C-alpha atoms as a PDB file:
ATOM      1  CA  MET A   1       0.000   0.000   0.000  1.00  0.00           C
ATOM      2  CA  THR A   2       1.236   3.500  -0.845  1.00  0.00           C
ATOM      3  CA  SER A   3       2.476   5.251   2.288  1.00  0.00           C
ATOM      4  CA  VAL A   4       2.264   8.954   3.138  1.00  0.00           C
ATOM      5  CA  VAL A   5       3.550  10.708   6.252  1.00  0.00           C
ATOM      6  CA  VAL A   6       1.949  13.944   7.400  1.00  0.00           C
ATOM      7  CA  PHE A   7       4.796  15.585   9.273  1.00  0.00           C
ATOM      8  CA  ASP A   8       3.802  16.508  12.811  1.00  0.00           C
ATOM      9  CA  TYR A   9       5.673  19.541  14.121  1.00  0.00           C
ATOM     10  CA  GLY A  10       2.861  21.263  15.980  1.00  0.00           C
ATOM     11  CA  PHE A  11       1.487  23.404  13.144  1.00  0.00           C
ATOM     12  CA  GLY A  12      -1.208  22.483  10.683  1.00  0.00           C
ATOM     13  CA  ASN A  13      -4.735  21.211  10.323  1.00  0.00           C
ATOM     14  CA  VAL A  14      -3.423  17.679  10.469  1.00  0.00           C
ATOM     15  CA  ARG A  15      -6.653  15.801  11.160  1.00  0.00           C
ATOM     16  CA  SER A  16      -8.291  17.042   7.964  1.00  0.00           C
ATOM     17  CA  MET A  17      -5.216  16.165   5.899  1.00  0.00           C
ATOM     18  CA  VAL A  18      -4.845  12.704   7.427  1.00  0.00           C
ATOM     19  CA  ARG A  19      -8.529  12.001   6.785  1.00  0.00           C
ATOM     20  CA  ALA A  20      -8.387  13.279   3.186  1.00  0.00           C
ATOM     21  CA  LEU A  21      -5.395  11.058   2.380  1.00  0.00           C
ATOM     22  CA  ALA A  22      -6.876   8.033   4.168  1.00  0.00           C
ATOM     23  CA  ASN A  23     -10.046   8.461   2.101  1.00  0.00           C
ATOM     24  CA  LEU A  24      -7.903   7.858  -0.986  1.00  0.00           C
ATOM     25  CA  GLY A  25      -6.934   4.433   0.335  1.00  0.00           C
ATOM     26  CA  LEU A  26      -3.423   5.450   1.400  1.00  0.00           C
ATOM     27  CA  ASP A  27      -1.479   4.235   4.418  1.00  0.00           C
ATOM     28  CA  VAL A  28      -1.237   7.546   6.327  1.00  0.00           C
ATOM     29  CA  THR A  29       0.888   8.199   9.414  1.00  0.00           C
ATOM     30  CA  LEU A  30       1.042  11.390  11.461  1.00  0.00           C
ATOM     31  CA  THR A  31       4.543  11.536  12.918  1.00  0.00           C
ATOM     32  CA  SER A  32       7.736  13.527  13.359  1.00  0.00           C
ATOM     33  CA  ASP A  33       9.861  10.377  13.186  1.00  0.00           C
ATOM     34  CA  HIS A  34      12.653  11.060  10.719  1.00  0.00           C
ATOM     35  CA  ARG A  35      13.063   7.545   9.380  1.00  0.00           C
ATOM     36  CA  GLN A  36       9.356   7.121   8.693  1.00  0.00           C
ATOM     37  CA  ALA A  37       9.148  10.577   7.111  1.00  0.00           C
ATOM     38  CA  ILE A  38      12.122   9.928   4.844  1.00  0.00           C
ATOM     39  CA  GLU A  39      11.136   6.404   3.831  1.00  0.00           C
ATOM     40  CA  ALA A  40       7.437   7.045   3.117  1.00  0.00           C
ATOM     41  CA  ASP A  41       6.367   7.244  -0.525  1.00  0.00           C
ATOM     42  CA  GLY A  42       5.096  10.798   0.043  1.00  0.00           C
ATOM     43  CA  LEU A  43       5.552  13.492   2.682  1.00  0.00           C
ATOM     44  CA  VAL A  44       3.083  16.280   3.475  1.00  0.00           C
ATOM     45  CA  VAL A  45       4.318  19.360   5.347  1.00  0.00           C
ATOM     46  CA  PRO A  46       1.216  21.180   6.641  1.00  0.00           C
ATOM     47  CA  GLY A  47       1.225  24.613   8.206  1.00  0.00           C
ATOM     48  CA  VAL A  48      -1.200  26.983   9.910  1.00  0.00           C
ATOM     49  CA  GLY A  49      -0.224  30.155  11.738  1.00  0.00           C
ATOM     50  CA  ALA A  50       2.669  32.566  11.465  1.00  0.00           C
ATOM     51  CA  PHE A  51       5.528  31.961   9.022  1.00  0.00           C
ATOM     52  CA  GLY A  52       8.296  32.518  11.579  1.00  0.00           C
ATOM     53  CA  ALA A  53       6.775  30.299  14.250  1.00  0.00           C
ATOM     54  CA  CYS A  54       6.141  27.503  11.752  1.00  0.00           C
ATOM     55  CA  VAL A  55       9.631  27.432  10.293  1.00  0.00           C
ATOM     56  CA  THR A  56      11.199  27.667  13.759  1.00  0.00           C
ATOM     57  CA  SER A  57       9.184  24.706  15.016  1.00  0.00           C
ATOM     58  CA  LEU A  58       9.939  22.711  11.870  1.00  0.00           C
ATOM     59  CA  ARG A  59      13.661  23.252  12.385  1.00  0.00           C
ATOM     60  CA  GLU A  60      13.458  22.418  16.102  1.00  0.00           C
ATOM     61  CA  VAL A  61      12.316  18.895  15.291  1.00  0.00           C
ATOM     62  CA  GLY A  62      14.640  18.526  12.294  1.00  0.00           C
ATOM     63  CA  GLY A  63      11.879  18.735   9.718  1.00  0.00           C
ATOM     64  CA  ASP A  64      14.013  20.939   7.481  1.00  0.00           C
ATOM     65  CA  ARG A  65      16.593  18.140   7.249  1.00  0.00           C
ATOM     66  CA  VAL A  66      13.863  15.620   6.466  1.00  0.00           C
ATOM     67  CA  VAL A  67      12.609  17.769   3.572  1.00  0.00           C
ATOM     68  CA  LEU A  68      16.123  18.267   2.199  1.00  0.00           C
ATOM     69  CA  ASP A  69      16.982  14.567   2.504  1.00  0.00           C
ATOM     70  CA  ARG A  70      13.829  13.587   0.633  1.00  0.00           C
ATOM     71  CA  LEU A  71      14.459  16.071  -2.162  1.00  0.00           C
ATOM     72  CA  ARG A  72      18.061  14.866  -2.527  1.00  0.00           C
ATOM     73  CA  ALA A  73      16.655  11.379  -3.012  1.00  0.00           C
ATOM     74  CA  GLY A  74      13.984  12.584  -5.459  1.00  0.00           C
ATOM     75  CA  ARG A  75      11.162  11.637  -3.086  1.00  0.00           C
ATOM     76  CA  PRO A  76       7.977  13.748  -3.293  1.00  0.00           C
ATOM     77  CA  VAL A  77       7.231  16.495  -0.766  1.00  0.00           C
ATOM     78  CA  LEU A  78       3.975  18.492  -0.627  1.00  0.00           C
ATOM     79  CA  GLY A  79       3.839  21.712   1.407  1.00  0.00           C
ATOM     80  CA  VAL A  80       0.363  23.070   2.183  1.00  0.00           C
ATOM     81  CA  CYS A  81      -0.640  26.634   3.183  1.00  0.00           C
ATOM     82  CA  VAL A  82       2.132  27.936   5.475  1.00  0.00           C
ATOM     83  CA  GLY A  83       3.826  24.639   4.612  1.00  0.00           C
ATOM     84  CA  GLU A  84       4.108  26.101   1.107  1.00  0.00           C
ATOM     85  CA  GLN A  85       5.209  29.531   2.295  1.00  0.00           C
ATOM     86  CA  ILE A  86       8.169  28.230   4.311  1.00  0.00           C
ATOM     87  CA  MET A  87       9.600  26.657   1.148  1.00  0.00           C
ATOM     88  CA  PHE A  88      10.411  30.229  -0.006  1.00  0.00           C
ATOM     89  CA  ASP A  89      13.423  32.358   0.928  1.00  0.00           C
ATOM     90  CA  HIS A  90      11.840  34.716   3.427  1.00  0.00           C
ATOM     91  CA  GLY A  91       8.628  35.615   5.201  1.00  0.00           C
ATOM     92  CA  ASN A  92       7.667  39.083   6.428  1.00  0.00           C
ATOM     93  CA  GLU A  93       4.813  38.550   8.838  1.00  0.00           C
ATOM     94  CA  HIS A  94       3.785  41.062  11.509  1.00  0.00           C
ATOM     95  CA  GLY A  95       7.020  42.996  10.937  1.00  0.00           C
ATOM     96  CA  GLU A  96       9.092  39.977  11.946  1.00  0.00           C
ATOM     97  CA  PRO A  97      11.255  38.819   9.002  1.00  0.00           C
ATOM     98  CA  ALA A  98      12.174  35.141   9.056  1.00  0.00           C
ATOM     99  CA  ASP A  99      14.227  32.894   6.790  1.00  0.00           C
ATOM    100  CA  GLY A 100      12.429  30.045   5.061  1.00  0.00           C
ATOM    101  CA  LEU A 101      13.977  26.884   3.644  1.00  0.00           C
ATOM    102  CA  GLY A 102      15.088  28.650   0.458  1.00  0.00           C
ATOM    103  CA  LEU A 103      13.835  25.912  -1.871  1.00  0.00           C
ATOM    104  CA  ILE A 104      11.979  28.490  -3.981  1.00  0.00           C
ATOM    105  CA  ARG A 105      13.296  31.978  -4.689  1.00  0.00           C
ATOM    106  CA  GLY A 106      10.856  34.611  -3.464  1.00  0.00           C
ATOM    107  CA  ASP A 107       9.422  36.341  -0.412  1.00  0.00           C
ATOM    108  CA  VAL A 108       6.108  35.928   1.409  1.00  0.00           C
ATOM    109  CA  ASN A 109       4.312  39.212   2.112  1.00  0.00           C
ATOM    110  CA  LEU A 110       0.924  40.566   3.168  1.00  0.00           C
ATOM    111  CA  LEU A 111      -1.795  40.441   0.528  1.00  0.00           C
ATOM    112  CA  ASP A 112      -2.765  43.799  -0.949  1.00  0.00           C
ATOM    113  CA  ALA A 113      -6.548  43.688  -0.674  1.00  0.00           C
ATOM    114  CA  ASP A 114      -9.385  45.601   0.956  1.00  0.00           C
ATOM    115  CA  VAL A 115     -10.331  42.556   3.032  1.00  0.00           C
ATOM    116  CA  VAL A 116      -7.722  40.264   4.567  1.00  0.00           C
ATOM    117  CA  PRO A 117      -7.571  37.326   5.128  1.00  0.00           C
ATOM    118  CA  HIS A 118      -8.425  35.799   1.792  1.00  0.00           C
ATOM    119  CA  MET A 119     -10.944  33.221   2.958  1.00  0.00           C
ATOM    120  CA  GLY A 120     -13.139  30.988   0.857  1.00  0.00           C
ATOM    121  CA  TRP A 121     -13.305  29.361  -2.545  1.00  0.00           C
ATOM    122  CA  ASP A 122     -11.418  30.794  -5.501  1.00  0.00           C
ATOM    123  CA  THR A 123     -10.298  29.881  -9.005  1.00  0.00           C
ATOM    124  CA  VAL A 124      -6.666  29.499 -10.046  1.00  0.00           C
ATOM    125  CA  GLU A 125      -4.639  29.913 -13.244  1.00  0.00           C
ATOM    126  CA  ALA A 126      -2.679  26.724 -13.839  1.00  0.00           C
ATOM    127  CA  PRO A 127      -0.110  26.131 -16.598  1.00  0.00           C
ATOM    128  CA  ASP A 128      -1.156  23.611 -19.244  1.00  0.00           C
ATOM    129  CA  ASP A 129       1.512  21.144 -18.126  1.00  0.00           C
ATOM    130  CA  SER A 130       0.680  21.281 -14.416  1.00  0.00           C
ATOM    131  CA  VAL A 131       0.823  17.875 -12.763  1.00  0.00           C
ATOM    132  CA  LEU A 132      -1.101  18.818  -9.625  1.00  0.00           C
ATOM    133  CA  LEU A 133      -3.839  20.700 -11.492  1.00  0.00           C
ATOM    134  CA  HIS A 134      -4.173  18.270 -14.399  1.00  0.00           C
ATOM    135  CA  GLY A 135      -7.824  18.217 -15.377  1.00  0.00           C
ATOM    136  CA  LEU A 136      -8.689  20.796 -12.715  1.00  0.00           C
ATOM    137  CA  GLY A 137      -8.204  24.091 -14.519  1.00  0.00           C
ATOM    138  CA  ASP A 138     -11.805  25.242 -14.014  1.00  0.00           C
ATOM    139  CA  GLU A 139     -12.181  24.097 -10.410  1.00  0.00           C
ATOM    140  CA  ARG A 140     -12.256  26.214  -7.253  1.00  0.00           C
ATOM    141  CA  PHE A 141     -10.104  25.617  -4.173  1.00  0.00           C
ATOM    142  CA  TYR A 142     -10.386  26.671  -0.554  1.00  0.00           C
ATOM    143  CA  PHE A 143      -8.055  29.398   0.745  1.00  0.00           C
ATOM    144  CA  VAL A 144      -7.497  30.803   4.250  1.00  0.00           C
ATOM    145  CA  HIS A 145      -4.472  33.127   4.396  1.00  0.00           C
ATOM    146  CA  SER A 146      -3.306  36.717   4.777  1.00  0.00           C
ATOM    147  CA  TYR A 147       0.194  36.309   3.319  1.00  0.00           C
ATOM    148  CA  ALA A 148       1.494  34.831   0.088  1.00  0.00           C
ATOM    149  CA  ALA A 149       4.412  34.795  -2.325  1.00  0.00           C
ATOM    150  CA  MET A 150       3.951  37.235  -5.210  1.00  0.00           C
ATOM    151  CA  ASP A 151       6.815  35.774  -7.245  1.00  0.00           C
ATOM    152  CA  ALA A 152       8.572  32.431  -7.610  1.00  0.00           C
ATOM    153  CA  GLN A 153      11.877  31.608  -9.251  1.00  0.00           C
ATOM    154  CA  PRO A 154      13.793  28.324  -9.256  1.00  0.00           C
ATOM    155  CA  ALA A 155      16.439  28.256  -6.535  1.00  0.00           C
ATOM    156  CA  ASP A 156      19.999  27.053  -7.076  1.00  0.00           C
ATOM    157  CA  LEU A 157      20.112  24.111  -4.682  1.00  0.00           C
ATOM    158  CA  SER A 158      23.540  22.772  -5.626  1.00  0.00           C
ATOM    159  CA  ALA A 159      24.924  23.762  -2.211  1.00  0.00           C
ATOM    160  CA  GLU A 160      22.357  21.405  -0.670  1.00  0.00           C
ATOM    161  CA  GLN A 161      23.333  18.686  -3.170  1.00  0.00           C
ATOM    162  CA  ILE A 162      19.828  18.714  -4.593  1.00  0.00           C
ATOM    163  CA  ASP A 163      19.576  18.130  -8.330  1.00  0.00           C
ATOM    164  CA  PHE A 164      16.155  18.248  -9.938  1.00  0.00           C
ATOM    165  CA  GLY A 165      17.628  17.022 -13.213  1.00  0.00           C
ATOM    166  CA  GLY A 166      16.757  20.135 -15.163  1.00  0.00           C
ATOM    167  CA  ALA A 167      13.082  19.979 -14.180  1.00  0.00           C
ATOM    168  CA  GLU A 168      11.333  23.242 -15.006  1.00  0.00           C
ATOM    169  CA  GLN A 169       9.166  24.954 -12.416  1.00  0.00           C
ATOM    170  CA  ARG A 170       5.413  25.141 -12.912  1.00  0.00           C
ATOM    171  CA  VAL A 171       3.594  27.933 -11.106  1.00  0.00           C
ATOM    172  CA  THR A 172      -0.169  28.195 -10.605  1.00  0.00           C
ATOM    173  CA  TRP A 173      -1.495  31.668  -9.773  1.00  0.00           C
ATOM    174  CA  CYS A 174      -4.484  33.189  -8.014  1.00  0.00           C
ATOM    175  CA  THR A 175      -5.593  36.828  -7.940  1.00  0.00           C
ATOM    176  CA  TYR A 176      -7.120  38.379  -4.852  1.00  0.00           C
ATOM    177  CA  GLY A 177      -7.578  42.101  -4.395  1.00  0.00           C
ATOM    178  CA  ARG A 178      -4.550  43.751  -5.987  1.00  0.00           C
ATOM    179  CA  SER A 179      -2.292  40.738  -5.440  1.00  0.00           C
ATOM    180  CA  ARG A 180      -1.444  38.009  -7.916  1.00  0.00           C
ATOM    181  CA  PHE A 181       0.146  35.311  -5.827  1.00  0.00           C
ATOM    182  CA  VAL A 182       1.524  31.780  -6.033  1.00  0.00           C
ATOM    183  CA  ALA A 183      -1.343  29.332  -5.522  1.00  0.00           C
ATOM    184  CA  ALA A 184       0.693  26.210  -6.286  1.00  0.00           C
ATOM    185  CA  TYR A 185       4.282  25.329  -7.153  1.00  0.00           C
ATOM    186  CA  GLU A 186       5.849  22.292  -8.806  1.00  0.00           C
ATOM    187  CA  ARG A 187       9.471  21.488  -9.574  1.00  0.00           C
ATOM    188  CA  GLY A 188      10.707  17.917  -9.725  1.00  0.00           C
ATOM    189  CA  PRO A 189       9.685  16.195  -6.463  1.00  0.00           C
ATOM    190  CA  LEU A 190       8.860  19.519  -4.774  1.00  0.00           C
ATOM    191  CA  PHE A 191       5.160  20.396  -4.711  1.00  0.00           C
ATOM    192  CA  ALA A 192       3.302  23.043  -2.720  1.00  0.00           C
ATOM    193  CA  THR A 193      -0.139  24.663  -2.534  1.00  0.00           C
ATOM    194  CA  GLN A 194      -1.258  27.865  -0.830  1.00  0.00           C
ATOM    195  CA  PHE A 195      -4.836  26.586  -0.786  1.00  0.00           C
ATOM    196  CA  HIS A 196      -6.024  23.620   1.274  1.00  0.00           C
ATOM    197  CA  PRO A 197      -6.638  20.564  -0.929  1.00  0.00           C
ATOM    198  CA  GLU A 198      -7.897  18.648   2.112  1.00  0.00           C
ATOM    199  CA  LYS A 199     -10.728  21.217   2.433  1.00  0.00           C
ATOM    200  CA  SER A 200     -11.414  21.561  -1.286  1.00  0.00           C
ATOM    201  CA  ALA A 201     -13.946  18.748  -1.750  1.00  0.00           C
ATOM    202  CA  GLU A 202     -13.595  16.567  -4.863  1.00  0.00           C
ATOM    203  CA  ALA A 203     -11.259  19.007  -6.626  1.00  0.00           C
ATOM    204  CA  GLY A 204      -8.857  18.772  -3.700  1.00  0.00           C
ATOM    205  CA  ALA A 205      -9.153  14.985  -3.604  1.00  0.00           C
ATOM    206  CA  GLN A 206      -8.290  14.813  -7.315  1.00  0.00           C
ATOM    207  CA  LEU A 207      -5.298  17.097  -6.778  1.00  0.00           C
ATOM    208  CA  LEU A 208      -4.048  14.742  -4.068  1.00  0.00           C
ATOM    209  CA  ARG A 209      -4.574  11.802  -6.427  1.00  0.00           C
ATOM    210  CA  ASN A 210      -2.532  13.621  -9.068  1.00  0.00           C
ATOM    211  CA  TRP A 211       0.237  14.129  -6.522  1.00  0.00           C
ATOM    212  CA  VAL A 212       0.174  10.492  -5.423  1.00  0.00           C
ATOM    213  CA  ALA A 213       0.459   9.420  -9.064  1.00  0.00           C
ATOM    214  CA  THR A 214       3.962  10.986  -9.127  1.00  0.00           C
ATOM    215  CA  PHE A 215       5.289   8.506  -6.538  1.00  0.00           C
END
């Protein structure tokens, strides 16, 4: 049976994610155990709350090393919500800058909109060759966030001995207020979504199926 670990580091709506993955017939474990997290077919890094607090807690339990080790081995990682944001270089939340994992070039900043947070269902603009959004271009996904990355560029990860084999990045966008932000990111085994697939009904379930099909 295909195995997925939802990494438990104290941040994230883990019950919903575990249930959504289990409903797909996967062997799902909620744990911070490094060996299990590295050896599983897929790893989900959830995240709810402030950027700085999330990335600090992830590092405190060695989750950053788990993510890097998996990517070195070409094993899929999916960051969700703040779990996506911490894959970027920096976050600027509540005037407290914090360094992310630096796996994607870009910064996470406050949305420019009359009403924040961005909460509810919204459409996205996916590239034609998106793996995560294959067959889902017209669907709506569930968002709850006040911050997002407004740009994404592929990071040079050679210093971390990560080689994506020339894989191009694929970026899915969403527009809210005056901000056009990264709604999903794909590059090699690295996947991330700003929206919550586990709360996005059948569209979210299909996105998770698309991700699992990359294992």
